[in-house]
PDB file of all heavy atoms in Angstrom:
ATOM      1  N   LEU A   1       6.460 -10.016  23.679  1.00  0.00           N
ATOM      2  CA  LEU A   1       5.838  -9.584  22.493  1.00  0.00           C
ATOM      3  C   LEU A   1       4.333  -9.345  22.661  1.00  0.00           C
ATOM      4  O   LEU A   1       3.597 -10.228  23.121  1.00  0.00           O
ATOM      5  CB  LEU A   1       6.103 -10.553  21.322  1.00  0.00           C
ATOM      6  CG  LEU A   1       6.022 -10.009  19.928  1.00  0.00           C
ATOM      7  CD1 LEU A   1       7.007  -8.925  19.741  1.00  0.00           C
ATOM      8  CD2 LEU A   1       6.267 -11.198  18.922  1.00  0.00           C
ATOM      9  N   LYS A   2       3.917  -8.263  22.255  1.00  0.00           N
ATOM     10  CA  LYS A   2       2.503  -7.836  22.516  1.00  0.00           C
ATOM     11  C   LYS A   2       1.727  -8.056  21.119  1.00  0.00           C
ATOM     12  O   LYS A   2       2.332  -8.362  20.158  1.00  0.00           O
ATOM     13  CB  LYS A   2       2.409  -6.407  22.939  1.00  0.00           C
ATOM     14  CG  LYS A   2       2.969  -6.156  24.283  1.00  0.00           C
ATOM     15  CD  LYS A   2       2.877  -4.660  24.719  1.00  0.00           C
ATOM     16  CE  LYS A   2       3.538  -4.498  26.022  1.00  0.00           C
ATOM     17  NZ  LYS A   2       3.530  -3.024  26.453  1.00  0.00           N
ATOM     18  N   GLU A   3       0.333  -7.762  21.227  1.00  0.00           N
ATOM     19  CA  GLU A   3      -0.332  -7.758  20.004  1.00  0.00           C
ATOM     20  C   GLU A   3       0.056  -6.665  18.995  1.00  0.00           C
ATOM     21  O   GLU A   3       0.704  -5.776  19.354  1.00  0.00           O
ATOM     22  CB  GLU A   3      -1.901  -7.597  20.246  1.00  0.00           C
ATOM     23  CG  GLU A   3      -2.438  -8.648  21.260  1.00  0.00           C
ATOM     24  CD  GLU A   3      -2.503 -10.002  20.498  1.00  0.00           C
ATOM     25  OE1 GLU A   3      -2.769  -9.980  19.359  1.00  0.00           O
ATOM     26  OE2 GLU A   3      -2.367 -10.989  21.133  1.00  0.00           O
ATOM     27  N   GLY A   4      -0.234  -6.944  17.836  1.00  0.00           N
ATOM     28  CA  GLY A   4       0.236  -6.001  16.782  1.00  0.00           C
ATOM     29  C   GLY A   4       1.394  -6.425  15.965  1.00  0.00           C
ATOM     30  O   GLY A   4       1.908  -7.540  16.099  1.00  0.00           O
ATOM     31  N   CYS A   5       1.906  -5.458  15.048  1.00  0.00           N
ATOM     32  CA  CYS A   5       3.019  -5.846  14.318  1.00  0.00           C
ATOM     33  C   CYS A   5       4.278  -5.702  15.139  1.00  0.00           C
ATOM     34  O   CYS A   5       4.588  -4.785  15.826  1.00  0.00           O
ATOM     35  CB  CYS A   5       3.159  -4.860  13.116  1.00  0.00           C
ATOM     36  SG  CYS A   5       4.652  -5.066  12.141  1.00  0.00           S
ATOM     37  N   PRO A   6       5.125  -6.847  15.141  1.00  0.00           N
ATOM     38  CA  PRO A   6       6.337  -6.866  16.002  1.00  0.00           C
ATOM     39  C   PRO A   6       7.397  -5.847  15.556  1.00  0.00           C
ATOM     40  O   PRO A   6       8.303  -5.542  16.269  1.00  0.00           O
ATOM     41  CB  PRO A   6       6.853  -8.232  15.875  1.00  0.00           C
ATOM     42  CG  PRO A   6       6.182  -8.757  14.594  1.00  0.00           C
ATOM     43  CD  PRO A   6       4.973  -8.135  14.447  1.00  0.00           C
ATOM     44  N   PHE A   7       7.268  -5.403  14.278  1.00  0.00           N
ATOM     45  CA  PHE A   7       8.276  -4.392  13.742  1.00  0.00           C
ATOM     46  C   PHE A   7       7.815  -2.924  14.114  1.00  0.00           C
ATOM     47  O   PHE A   7       8.561  -1.945  13.793  1.00  0.00           O
ATOM     48  CB  PHE A   7       8.379  -4.599  12.260  1.00  0.00           C
ATOM     49  CG  PHE A   7       9.564  -3.799  11.739  1.00  0.00           C
ATOM     50  CD1 PHE A   7      10.806  -4.072  11.971  1.00  0.00           C
ATOM     51  CD2 PHE A   7       9.216  -2.806  10.737  1.00  0.00           C
ATOM     52  CE1 PHE A   7      11.871  -3.305  11.388  1.00  0.00           C
ATOM     53  CE2 PHE A   7      10.271  -2.061  10.172  1.00  0.00           C
ATOM     54  CZ  PHE A   7      11.629  -2.366  10.616  1.00  0.00           C
ATOM     55  N   ALA A   8       6.660  -2.790  14.727  1.00  0.00           N
ATOM     56  CA  ALA A   8       6.179  -1.386  14.983  1.00  0.00           C
ATOM     57  C   ALA A   8       7.087  -0.458  15.755  1.00  0.00           C
ATOM     58  O   ALA A   8       7.160   0.719  15.408  1.00  0.00           O
ATOM     59  CB  ALA A   8       4.817  -1.541  15.711  1.00  0.00           C
ATOM     60  N   ASN A   9       7.925  -1.098  16.765  1.00  0.00           N
ATOM     61  CA  ASN A   9       8.703  -0.186  17.506  1.00  0.00           C
ATOM     62  C   ASN A   9      10.016   0.293  16.770  1.00  0.00           C
ATOM     63  O   ASN A   9      10.674   1.164  17.240  1.00  0.00           O
ATOM     64  CB  ASN A   9       9.158  -1.016  18.800  1.00  0.00           C
ATOM     65  CG  ASN A   9      10.053  -2.128  18.467  1.00  0.00           C
ATOM     66  OD1 ASN A   9       9.900  -2.736  17.507  1.00  0.00           O
ATOM     67  ND2 ASN A   9      11.076  -2.334  19.326  1.00  0.00           N
ATOM     68  N   ARG A  10      10.208  -0.214  15.549  1.00  0.00           N
ATOM     69  CA  ARG A  10      11.321   0.144  14.783  1.00  0.00           C
ATOM     70  C   ARG A  10      10.970   0.757  13.413  1.00  0.00           C
ATOM     71  O   ARG A  10      11.817   1.256  12.617  1.00  0.00           O
ATOM     72  CB  ARG A  10      12.271  -1.054  14.407  1.00  0.00           C
ATOM     73  CG  ARG A  10      12.676  -1.821  15.688  1.00  0.00           C
ATOM     74  CD  ARG A  10      13.450  -3.122  15.282  1.00  0.00           C
ATOM     75  NE  ARG A  10      14.717  -2.841  14.763  1.00  0.00           N
ATOM     76  CZ  ARG A  10      15.562  -3.812  14.313  1.00  0.00           C
ATOM     77  NH1 ARG A  10      15.166  -5.081  14.364  1.00  0.00           N
ATOM     78  NH2 ARG A  10      16.702  -3.458  13.883  1.00  0.00           N
ATOM     79  N   CYS A  11       9.687   0.912  13.065  1.00  0.00           N
ATOM     80  CA  CYS A  11       9.154   1.290  11.735  1.00  0.00           C
ATOM     81  C   CYS A  11       8.912   2.775  11.725  1.00  0.00           C
ATOM     82  O   CYS A  11       8.340   3.392  12.570  1.00  0.00           O
ATOM     83  CB  CYS A  11       7.857   0.527  11.509  1.00  0.00           C
ATOM     84  SG  CYS A  11       7.227   0.768   9.826  1.00  0.00           S
ATOM     85  N   GLU A  12       9.429   3.391  10.666  1.00  0.00           N
ATOM     86  CA  GLU A  12       9.246   4.785  10.366  1.00  0.00           C
ATOM     87  C   GLU A  12       7.814   5.078   9.945  1.00  0.00           C
ATOM     88  O   GLU A  12       7.395   6.241   9.949  1.00  0.00           O
ATOM     89  CB  GLU A  12      10.235   5.243   9.379  1.00  0.00           C
ATOM     90  CG  GLU A  12      11.698   5.231   9.798  1.00  0.00           C
ATOM     91  CD  GLU A  12      12.671   5.653   8.717  1.00  0.00           C
ATOM     92  OE1 GLU A  12      12.287   5.992   7.695  1.00  0.00           O
ATOM     93  OE2 GLU A  12      13.865   5.595   9.125  1.00  0.00           O
ATOM     94  N   ASN A  13       7.103   4.030   9.395  1.00  0.00           N
ATOM     95  CA  ASN A  13       5.818   4.302   8.894  1.00  0.00           C
ATOM     96  C   ASN A  13       4.666   3.768   9.825  1.00  0.00           C
ATOM     97  O   ASN A  13       3.630   3.451   9.320  1.00  0.00           O
ATOM     98  CB  ASN A  13       5.605   3.591   7.523  1.00  0.00           C
ATOM     99  CG  ASN A  13       6.645   3.931   6.556  1.00  0.00           C
ATOM    100  OD1 ASN A  13       7.116   5.166   6.533  1.00  0.00           O
ATOM    101  ND2 ASN A  13       7.076   3.086   5.656  1.00  0.00           N
ATOM    102  N   VAL A  14       4.993   3.688  11.073  1.00  0.00           N
ATOM    103  CA  VAL A  14       4.047   3.072  12.067  1.00  0.00           C
ATOM    104  C   VAL A  14       2.658   3.886  12.179  1.00  0.00           C
ATOM    105  O   VAL A  14       2.740   5.179  12.138  1.00  0.00           O
ATOM    106  CB  VAL A  14       4.655   2.920  13.413  1.00  0.00           C
ATOM    107  CG1 VAL A  14       5.097   4.263  14.073  1.00  0.00           C
ATOM    108  CG2 VAL A  14       3.747   2.065  14.363  1.00  0.00           C
ATOM    109  N   LYS A  15       1.644   3.149  12.230  1.00  0.00           N
ATOM    110  CA  LYS A  15       0.291   3.851  12.435  1.00  0.00           C
ATOM    111  C   LYS A  15      -0.415   3.177  13.601  1.00  0.00           C
ATOM    112  O   LYS A  15       0.101   2.173  14.044  1.00  0.00           O
ATOM    113  CB  LYS A  15      -0.585   3.567  11.142  1.00  0.00           C
ATOM    114  CG  LYS A  15       0.048   4.203   9.868  1.00  0.00           C
ATOM    115  CD  LYS A  15      -0.660   3.750   8.576  1.00  0.00           C
ATOM    116  CE  LYS A  15      -2.027   4.292   8.512  1.00  0.00           C
ATOM    117  NZ  LYS A  15      -2.735   3.926   7.187  1.00  0.00           N
ATOM    118  N   LYS A  16      -1.613   3.747  13.983  1.00  0.00           N
ATOM    119  CA  LYS A  16      -2.163   3.297  15.158  1.00  0.00           C
ATOM    120  C   LYS A  16      -2.614   1.795  15.122  1.00  0.00           C
ATOM    121  O   LYS A  16      -2.369   1.073  16.123  1.00  0.00           O
ATOM    122  CB  LYS A  16      -3.447   4.115  15.417  1.00  0.00           C
ATOM    123  CG  LYS A  16      -4.160   3.845  16.747  1.00  0.00           C
ATOM    124  CD  LYS A  16      -5.381   4.767  16.881  1.00  0.00           C
ATOM    125  CE  LYS A  16      -6.051   4.351  18.241  1.00  0.00           C
ATOM    126  NZ  LYS A  16      -7.295   5.352  18.420  1.00  0.00           N
ATOM    127  N   GLU A  17      -3.030   1.368  14.011  1.00  0.00           N
ATOM    128  CA  GLU A  17      -3.441  -0.055  13.906  1.00  0.00           C
ATOM    129  C   GLU A  17      -2.302  -0.920  13.935  1.00  0.00           C
ATOM    130  O   GLU A  17      -2.393  -2.167  14.191  1.00  0.00           O
ATOM    131  CB  GLU A  17      -4.267  -0.311  12.694  1.00  0.00           C
ATOM    132  CG  GLU A  17      -3.584   0.123  11.318  1.00  0.00           C
ATOM    133  CD  GLU A  17      -3.870   1.454  10.760  1.00  0.00           C
ATOM    134  OE1 GLU A  17      -3.965   2.360  11.651  1.00  0.00           O
ATOM    135  OE2 GLU A  17      -4.025   1.603   9.579  1.00  0.00           O
ATOM    136  N   CYS A  18      -1.055  -0.492  13.695  1.00  0.00           N
ATOM    137  CA  CYS A  18       0.109  -1.343  13.695  1.00  0.00           C
ATOM    138  C   CYS A  18       0.328  -1.826  15.164  1.00  0.00           C
ATOM    139  O   CYS A  18       0.979  -2.902  15.405  1.00  0.00           O
ATOM    140  CB  CYS A  18       1.357  -0.551  13.226  1.00  0.00           C
ATOM    141  SG  CYS A  18       1.272   0.036  11.520  1.00  0.00           S
ATOM    142  N   LEU A  19      -0.109  -1.100  16.145  1.00  0.00           N
ATOM    143  CA  LEU A  19       0.157  -1.384  17.569  1.00  0.00           C
ATOM    144  C   LEU A  19      -0.899  -2.351  18.087  1.00  0.00           C
ATOM    145  O   LEU A  19      -0.656  -2.926  19.155  1.00  0.00           O
ATOM    146  CB  LEU A  19       0.189  -0.166  18.419  1.00  0.00           C
ATOM    147  CG  LEU A  19       1.238   0.992  17.968  1.00  0.00           C
ATOM    148  CD1 LEU A  19       0.998   2.287  18.701  1.00  0.00           C
ATOM    149  CD2 LEU A  19       2.541   0.456  18.120  1.00  0.00           C
ATOM    150  N   SER A  20      -2.008  -2.473  17.409  1.00  0.00           N
ATOM    151  CA  SER A  20      -3.155  -3.261  17.982  1.00  0.00           C
ATOM    152  C   SER A  20      -3.336  -4.594  17.276  1.00  0.00           C
ATOM    153  O   SER A  20      -3.962  -5.580  17.835  1.00  0.00           O
ATOM    154  CB  SER A  20      -4.359  -2.410  17.961  1.00  0.00           C
ATOM    155  OG  SER A  20      -4.742  -2.018  16.680  1.00  0.00           O
ATOM    156  N   SER A  21      -3.023  -4.708  15.998  1.00  0.00           N
ATOM    157  CA  SER A  21      -3.383  -6.002  15.311  1.00  0.00           C
ATOM    158  C   SER A  21      -2.227  -6.389  14.326  1.00  0.00           C
ATOM    159  O   SER A  21      -1.619  -5.426  13.690  1.00  0.00           O
ATOM    160  CB  SER A  21      -4.651  -5.856  14.514  1.00  0.00           C
ATOM    161  OG  SER A  21      -4.609  -4.863  13.641  1.00  0.00           O
ATOM    162  N   PHE A  22      -1.997  -7.643  14.160  1.00  0.00           N
ATOM    163  CA  PHE A  22      -1.039  -8.046  13.188  1.00  0.00           C
ATOM    164  C   PHE A  22      -1.726  -8.010  11.858  1.00  0.00           C
ATOM    165  O   PHE A  22      -2.850  -8.473  11.591  1.00  0.00           O
ATOM    166  CB  PHE A  22      -0.549  -9.518  13.441  1.00  0.00           C
ATOM    167  CG  PHE A  22       0.616 -10.011  12.544  1.00  0.00           C
ATOM    168  CD1 PHE A  22       1.884  -9.568  12.894  1.00  0.00           C
ATOM    169  CD2 PHE A  22       0.407 -10.653  11.404  1.00  0.00           C
ATOM    170  CE1 PHE A  22       2.944  -9.941  12.084  1.00  0.00           C
ATOM    171  CE2 PHE A  22       1.415 -11.015  10.452  1.00  0.00           C
ATOM    172  CZ  PHE A  22       2.747 -10.635  10.856  1.00  0.00           C
ATOM    173  N   PRO A  23      -1.028  -7.354  10.808  1.00  0.00           N
ATOM    174  CA  PRO A  23      -1.713  -7.191   9.509  1.00  0.00           C
ATOM    175  C   PRO A  23      -1.965  -8.493   8.779  1.00  0.00           C
ATOM    176  O   PRO A  23      -1.192  -9.388   8.848  1.00  0.00           O
ATOM    177  CB  PRO A  23      -0.690  -6.377   8.747  1.00  0.00           C
ATOM    178  CG  PRO A  23       0.622  -6.618   9.439  1.00  0.00           C
ATOM    179  CD  PRO A  23       0.313  -6.871  10.877  1.00  0.00           C
ATOM    180  N   GLU A  24      -3.083  -8.588   8.041  1.00  0.00           N
ATOM    181  CA  GLU A  24      -3.322  -9.675   7.250  1.00  0.00           C
ATOM    182  C   GLU A  24      -2.422  -9.762   5.961  1.00  0.00           C
ATOM    183  O   GLU A  24      -1.741  -8.798   5.623  1.00  0.00           O
ATOM    184  CB  GLU A  24      -4.805  -9.677   6.694  1.00  0.00           C
ATOM    185  CG  GLU A  24      -5.897  -9.779   7.829  1.00  0.00           C
ATOM    186  CD  GLU A  24      -7.223  -9.811   7.294  1.00  0.00           C
ATOM    187  OE1 GLU A  24      -7.437 -10.522   6.287  1.00  0.00           O
ATOM    188  OE2 GLU A  24      -8.121  -9.139   7.810  1.00  0.00           O
ATOM    189  N   ILE A  25      -2.399 -10.867   5.380  1.00  0.00           N
ATOM    190  CA  ILE A  25      -1.534 -11.039   4.084  1.00  0.00           C
ATOM    191  C   ILE A  25      -2.170 -10.314   3.023  1.00  0.00           C
ATOM    192  O   ILE A  25      -3.382 -10.491   2.748  1.00  0.00           O
ATOM    193  CB  ILE A  25      -1.409 -12.564   3.855  1.00  0.00           C
ATOM    194  CG1 ILE A  25      -0.657 -13.212   4.937  1.00  0.00           C
ATOM    195  CG2 ILE A  25      -0.730 -12.686   2.416  1.00  0.00           C
ATOM    196  CD1 ILE A  25      -0.603 -14.851   4.749  1.00  0.00           C
ATOM    197  N   THR A  26      -1.384  -9.511   2.349  1.00  0.00           N
ATOM    198  CA  THR A  26      -1.848  -8.872   1.088  1.00  0.00           C
ATOM    199  C   THR A  26      -1.041  -9.372  -0.047  1.00  0.00           C
ATOM    200  O   THR A  26       0.131  -9.384  -0.028  1.00  0.00           O
ATOM    201  CB  THR A  26      -1.671  -7.393   1.170  1.00  0.00           C
ATOM    202  OG1 THR A  26      -2.301  -6.820   2.225  1.00  0.00           O
ATOM    203  CG2 THR A  26      -2.033  -6.658  -0.144  1.00  0.00           C
ATOM    204  N   ARG A  27      -1.774  -9.885  -1.071  1.00  0.00           N
ATOM    205  CA  ARG A  27      -1.108 -10.475  -2.236  1.00  0.00           C
ATOM    206  C   ARG A  27      -1.194  -9.509  -3.455  1.00  0.00           C
ATOM    207  O   ARG A  27      -2.333  -9.248  -3.863  1.00  0.00           O
ATOM    208  CB  ARG A  27      -1.724 -11.808  -2.554  1.00  0.00           C
ATOM    209  CG  ARG A  27      -1.019 -12.552  -3.735  1.00  0.00           C
ATOM    210  CD  ARG A  27      -1.587 -13.929  -3.924  1.00  0.00           C
ATOM    211  NE  ARG A  27      -1.116 -14.780  -2.848  1.00  0.00           N
ATOM    212  CZ  ARG A  27      -1.620 -15.936  -2.462  1.00  0.00           C
ATOM    213  NH1 ARG A  27      -2.661 -16.331  -3.137  1.00  0.00           N
ATOM    214  NH2 ARG A  27      -1.023 -16.651  -1.549  1.00  0.00           N
ATOM    215  N   ILE A  28      -0.156  -9.051  -3.934  1.00  0.00           N
ATOM    216  CA  ILE A  28      -0.218  -8.061  -5.017  1.00  0.00           C
ATOM    217  C   ILE A  28       0.022  -8.703  -6.354  1.00  0.00           C
ATOM    218  O   ILE A  28      -0.068  -8.141  -7.397  1.00  0.00           O
ATOM    219  CB  ILE A  28       0.809  -6.968  -4.789  1.00  0.00           C
ATOM    220  CG1 ILE A  28       2.176  -7.262  -4.665  1.00  0.00           C
ATOM    221  CG2 ILE A  28       0.333  -6.092  -3.578  1.00  0.00           C
ATOM    222  CD1 ILE A  28       3.234  -6.270  -4.465  1.00  0.00           C
ATOM    223  N   SER A  29       0.618  -9.943  -6.363  1.00  0.00           N
ATOM    224  CA  SER A  29       0.744 -10.790  -7.539  1.00  0.00           C
ATOM    225  C   SER A  29       0.780 -12.217  -7.142  1.00  0.00           C
ATOM    226  O   SER A  29       0.820 -12.590  -5.962  1.00  0.00           O
ATOM    227  CB  SER A  29       1.972 -10.301  -8.330  1.00  0.00           C
ATOM    228  OG  SER A  29       3.131 -10.778  -7.678  1.00  0.00           O
ATOM    229  N   GLU A  30       0.825 -13.096  -8.130  1.00  0.00           N
ATOM    230  CA  GLU A  30       0.861 -14.511  -7.821  1.00  0.00           C
ATOM    231  C   GLU A  30       2.082 -14.935  -6.992  1.00  0.00           C
ATOM    232  O   GLU A  30       2.075 -15.817  -6.268  1.00  0.00           O
ATOM    233  CB  GLU A  30       0.892 -15.393  -9.095  1.00  0.00           C
ATOM    234  CG  GLU A  30       0.852 -16.838  -8.964  1.00  0.00           C
ATOM    235  CD  GLU A  30       0.756 -17.637 -10.215  1.00  0.00           C
ATOM    236  OE1 GLU A  30       0.601 -16.986 -11.259  1.00  0.00           O
ATOM    237  OE2 GLU A  30       0.846 -18.863 -10.132  1.00  0.00           O
ATOM    238  N   ASN A  31       3.180 -14.118  -7.181  1.00  0.00           N
ATOM    239  CA  ASN A  31       4.469 -14.406  -6.468  1.00  0.00           C
ATOM    240  C   ASN A  31       4.954 -13.421  -5.520  1.00  0.00           C
ATOM    241  O   ASN A  31       6.043 -13.434  -5.069  1.00  0.00           O
ATOM    242  CB  ASN A  31       5.614 -14.665  -7.559  1.00  0.00           C
ATOM    243  CG  ASN A  31       5.336 -15.857  -8.505  1.00  0.00           C
ATOM    244  OD1 ASN A  31       4.969 -16.877  -8.072  1.00  0.00           O
ATOM    245  ND2 ASN A  31       5.431 -15.585  -9.769  1.00  0.00           N
ATOM    246  N   HIS A  32       4.021 -12.489  -5.080  1.00  0.00           N
ATOM    247  CA  HIS A  32       4.519 -11.481  -4.152  1.00  0.00           C
ATOM    248  C   HIS A  32       3.346 -11.248  -3.153  1.00  0.00           C
ATOM    249  O   HIS A  32       2.261 -10.807  -3.541  1.00  0.00           O
ATOM    250  CB  HIS A  32       4.800 -10.132  -5.004  1.00  0.00           C
ATOM    251  CG  HIS A  32       5.605  -9.150  -4.150  1.00  0.00           C
ATOM    252  ND1 HIS A  32       6.125  -7.998  -4.676  1.00  0.00           N
ATOM    253  CD2 HIS A  32       5.967  -9.153  -2.858  1.00  0.00           C
ATOM    254  CE1 HIS A  32       6.782  -7.330  -3.730  1.00  0.00           C
ATOM    255  NE2 HIS A  32       6.606  -7.989  -2.558  1.00  0.00           N
ATOM    256  N   GLU A  33       3.783 -11.310  -1.921  1.00  0.00           N
ATOM    257  CA  GLU A  33       2.815 -11.074  -0.812  1.00  0.00           C
ATOM    258  C   GLU A  33       3.434 -10.520   0.397  1.00  0.00           C
ATOM    259  O   GLU A  33       4.741 -10.714   0.552  1.00  0.00           O
ATOM    260  CB  GLU A  33       1.997 -12.288  -0.361  1.00  0.00           C
ATOM    261  CG  GLU A  33       2.862 -13.383   0.208  1.00  0.00           C
ATOM    262  CD  GLU A  33       2.115 -14.778   0.483  1.00  0.00           C
ATOM    263  OE1 GLU A  33       1.195 -15.059  -0.265  1.00  0.00           O
ATOM    264  OE2 GLU A  33       2.448 -15.300   1.517  1.00  0.00           O
ATOM    265  N   PHE A  34       2.781  -9.713   1.267  1.00  0.00           N
ATOM    266  CA  PHE A  34       3.406  -9.126   2.463  1.00  0.00           C
ATOM    267  C   PHE A  34       2.361  -8.948   3.511  1.00  0.00           C
ATOM    268  O   PHE A  34       1.140  -8.998   3.290  1.00  0.00           O
ATOM    269  CB  PHE A  34       4.038  -7.877   2.075  1.00  0.00           C
ATOM    270  CG  PHE A  34       3.146  -6.796   1.530  1.00  0.00           C
ATOM    271  CD1 PHE A  34       2.442  -5.885   2.433  1.00  0.00           C
ATOM    272  CD2 PHE A  34       2.857  -6.715   0.186  1.00  0.00           C
ATOM    273  CE1 PHE A  34       1.589  -4.982   1.948  1.00  0.00           C
ATOM    274  CE2 PHE A  34       1.968  -5.739  -0.255  1.00  0.00           C
ATOM    275  CZ  PHE A  34       1.302  -4.900   0.573  1.00  0.00           C
ATOM    276  N   SER A  35       2.814  -8.701   4.706  1.00  0.00           N
ATOM    277  CA  SER A  35       1.917  -8.432   5.823  1.00  0.00           C
ATOM    278  C   SER A  35       2.329  -7.115   6.463  1.00  0.00           C
ATOM    279  O   SER A  35       3.233  -6.955   7.216  1.00  0.00           O
ATOM    280  CB  SER A  35       1.933  -9.503   6.881  1.00  0.00           C
ATOM    281  OG  SER A  35       1.509 -10.773   6.321  1.00  0.00           O
ATOM    282  N   CYS A  36       1.559  -5.972   6.065  1.00  0.00           N
ATOM    283  CA  CYS A  36       1.959  -4.626   6.582  1.00  0.00           C
ATOM    284  C   CYS A  36       0.682  -3.782   6.489  1.00  0.00           C
ATOM    285  O   CYS A  36       0.012  -3.791   5.385  1.00  0.00           O
ATOM    286  CB  CYS A  36       3.055  -4.025   5.841  1.00  0.00           C
ATOM    287  SG  CYS A  36       3.642  -2.413   6.473  1.00  0.00           S
ATOM    288  N   HIS A  37       0.349  -2.956   7.503  1.00  0.00           N
ATOM    289  CA  HIS A  37      -0.669  -2.093   7.431  1.00  0.00           C
ATOM    290  C   HIS A  37      -0.461  -0.824   6.587  1.00  0.00           C
ATOM    291  O   HIS A  37      -1.274  -0.174   6.082  1.00  0.00           O
ATOM    292  CB  HIS A  37      -1.115  -1.482   8.888  1.00  0.00           C
ATOM    293  CG  HIS A  37      -1.765  -2.675   9.734  1.00  0.00           C
ATOM    294  ND1 HIS A  37      -2.963  -3.190   9.339  1.00  0.00           N
ATOM    295  CD2 HIS A  37      -1.397  -3.209  10.940  1.00  0.00           C
ATOM    296  CE1 HIS A  37      -3.311  -4.059  10.355  1.00  0.00           C
ATOM    297  NE2 HIS A  37      -2.331  -4.040  11.254  1.00  0.00           N
ATOM    298  N   ASN A  38       0.888  -0.503   6.561  1.00  0.00           N
ATOM    299  CA  ASN A  38       1.241   0.710   5.826  1.00  0.00           C
ATOM    300  C   ASN A  38       2.465   0.473   4.960  1.00  0.00           C
ATOM    301  O   ASN A  38       3.592   0.929   5.325  1.00  0.00           O
ATOM    302  CB  ASN A  38       1.598   1.804   6.876  1.00  0.00           C
ATOM    303  CG  ASN A  38       1.757   3.240   6.211  1.00  0.00           C
ATOM    304  OD1 ASN A  38       1.185   3.385   5.135  1.00  0.00           O
ATOM    305  ND2 ASN A  38       2.535   4.050   6.916  1.00  0.00           N
ATOM    306  N   PRO A  39       2.299  -0.322   3.883  1.00  0.00           N
ATOM    307  CA  PRO A  39       3.478  -0.712   3.115  1.00  0.00           C
ATOM    308  C   PRO A  39       4.166   0.470   2.354  1.00  0.00           C
ATOM    309  O   PRO A  39       3.645   1.616   2.295  1.00  0.00           O
ATOM    310  CB  PRO A  39       2.860  -1.614   2.077  1.00  0.00           C
ATOM    311  CG  PRO A  39       1.434  -1.200   1.980  1.00  0.00           C
ATOM    312  CD  PRO A  39       1.037  -0.851   3.302  1.00  0.00           C
ATOM    313  N   VAL A  40       5.347   0.194   1.964  1.00  0.00           N
ATOM    314  CA  VAL A  40       6.139   1.223   1.260  1.00  0.00           C
ATOM    315  C   VAL A  40       6.205   0.809  -0.239  1.00  0.00           C
ATOM    316  O   VAL A  40       5.999  -0.309  -0.670  1.00  0.00           O
ATOM    317  CB  VAL A  40       7.591   1.243   1.753  1.00  0.00           C
ATOM    318  CG1 VAL A  40       7.584   1.731   3.288  1.00  0.00           C
ATOM    319  CG2 VAL A  40       8.346  -0.073   1.637  1.00  0.00           C
ATOM    320  N   THR A  41       6.625   1.771  -0.995  1.00  0.00           N
ATOM    321  CA  THR A  41       6.940   1.612  -2.435  1.00  0.00           C
ATOM    322  C   THR A  41       8.366   1.168  -2.495  1.00  0.00           C
ATOM    323  O   THR A  41       9.169   1.246  -1.524  1.00  0.00           O
ATOM    324  CB  THR A  41       6.690   2.768  -3.284  1.00  0.00           C
ATOM    325  OG1 THR A  41       7.578   3.873  -2.861  1.00  0.00           O
ATOM    326  CG2 THR A  41       5.209   3.214  -3.128  1.00  0.00           C
ATOM    327  N   GLY A  42       8.790   0.814  -3.759  1.00  0.00           N
ATOM    328  CA  GLY A  42      10.236   0.415  -3.885  1.00  0.00           C
ATOM    329  C   GLY A  42      11.150   1.644  -3.580  1.00  0.00           C
ATOM    330  O   GLY A  42      12.337   1.346  -3.125  1.00  0.00           O
ATOM    331  N   SER A  43      10.634   2.888  -3.553  1.00  0.00           N
ATOM    332  CA  SER A  43      11.545   4.021  -3.230  1.00  0.00           C
ATOM    333  C   SER A  43      11.579   4.314  -1.792  1.00  0.00           C
ATOM    334  O   SER A  43      12.375   5.101  -1.354  1.00  0.00           O
ATOM    335  CB  SER A  43      11.046   5.223  -3.977  1.00  0.00           C
ATOM    336  OG  SER A  43       9.720   5.529  -3.481  1.00  0.00           O
ATOM    337  N   GLY A  44      10.691   3.464  -1.038  1.00  0.00           N
ATOM    338  CA  GLY A  44      10.826   3.672   0.473  1.00  0.00           C
ATOM    339  C   GLY A  44       9.759   4.731   0.917  1.00  0.00           C
ATOM    340  O   GLY A  44       9.690   5.005   2.146  1.00  0.00           O
ATOM    341  N   ASP A  45       8.813   5.183   0.130  1.00  0.00           N
ATOM    342  CA  ASP A  45       7.742   6.124   0.441  1.00  0.00           C
ATOM    343  C   ASP A  45       6.523   5.377   0.891  1.00  0.00           C
ATOM    344  O   ASP A  45       6.167   4.388   0.208  1.00  0.00           O
ATOM    345  CB  ASP A  45       7.496   7.047  -0.626  1.00  0.00           C
ATOM    346  CG  ASP A  45       8.738   7.900  -1.013  1.00  0.00           C
ATOM    347  OD1 ASP A  45       9.421   8.329  -0.117  1.00  0.00           O
ATOM    348  OD2 ASP A  45       8.926   8.228  -2.202  1.00  0.00           O
ATOM    349  N   PRO A  46       5.776   5.806   1.929  1.00  0.00           N
ATOM    350  CA  PRO A  46       4.516   5.122   2.245  1.00  0.00           C
ATOM    351  C   PRO A  46       3.497   5.237   0.905  1.00  0.00           C
ATOM    352  O   PRO A  46       3.604   6.193   0.262  1.00  0.00           O
ATOM    353  CB  PRO A  46       3.976   5.993   3.371  1.00  0.00           C
ATOM    354  CG  PRO A  46       5.140   6.744   3.948  1.00  0.00           C
ATOM    355  CD  PRO A  46       6.033   7.031   2.782  1.00  0.00           C
TER     356      PRO A  46
END
């Protein structure tokens, strides 16, 4: 496993930074957090 997001090789939304660094935690509410450089909406769109 290399640096970057481990899901990058399977991700349809991969970007350059996904290959070089693991994303920090983003908290969008008190009970919801994720780690992704290019998150999706509930419909699956970037």
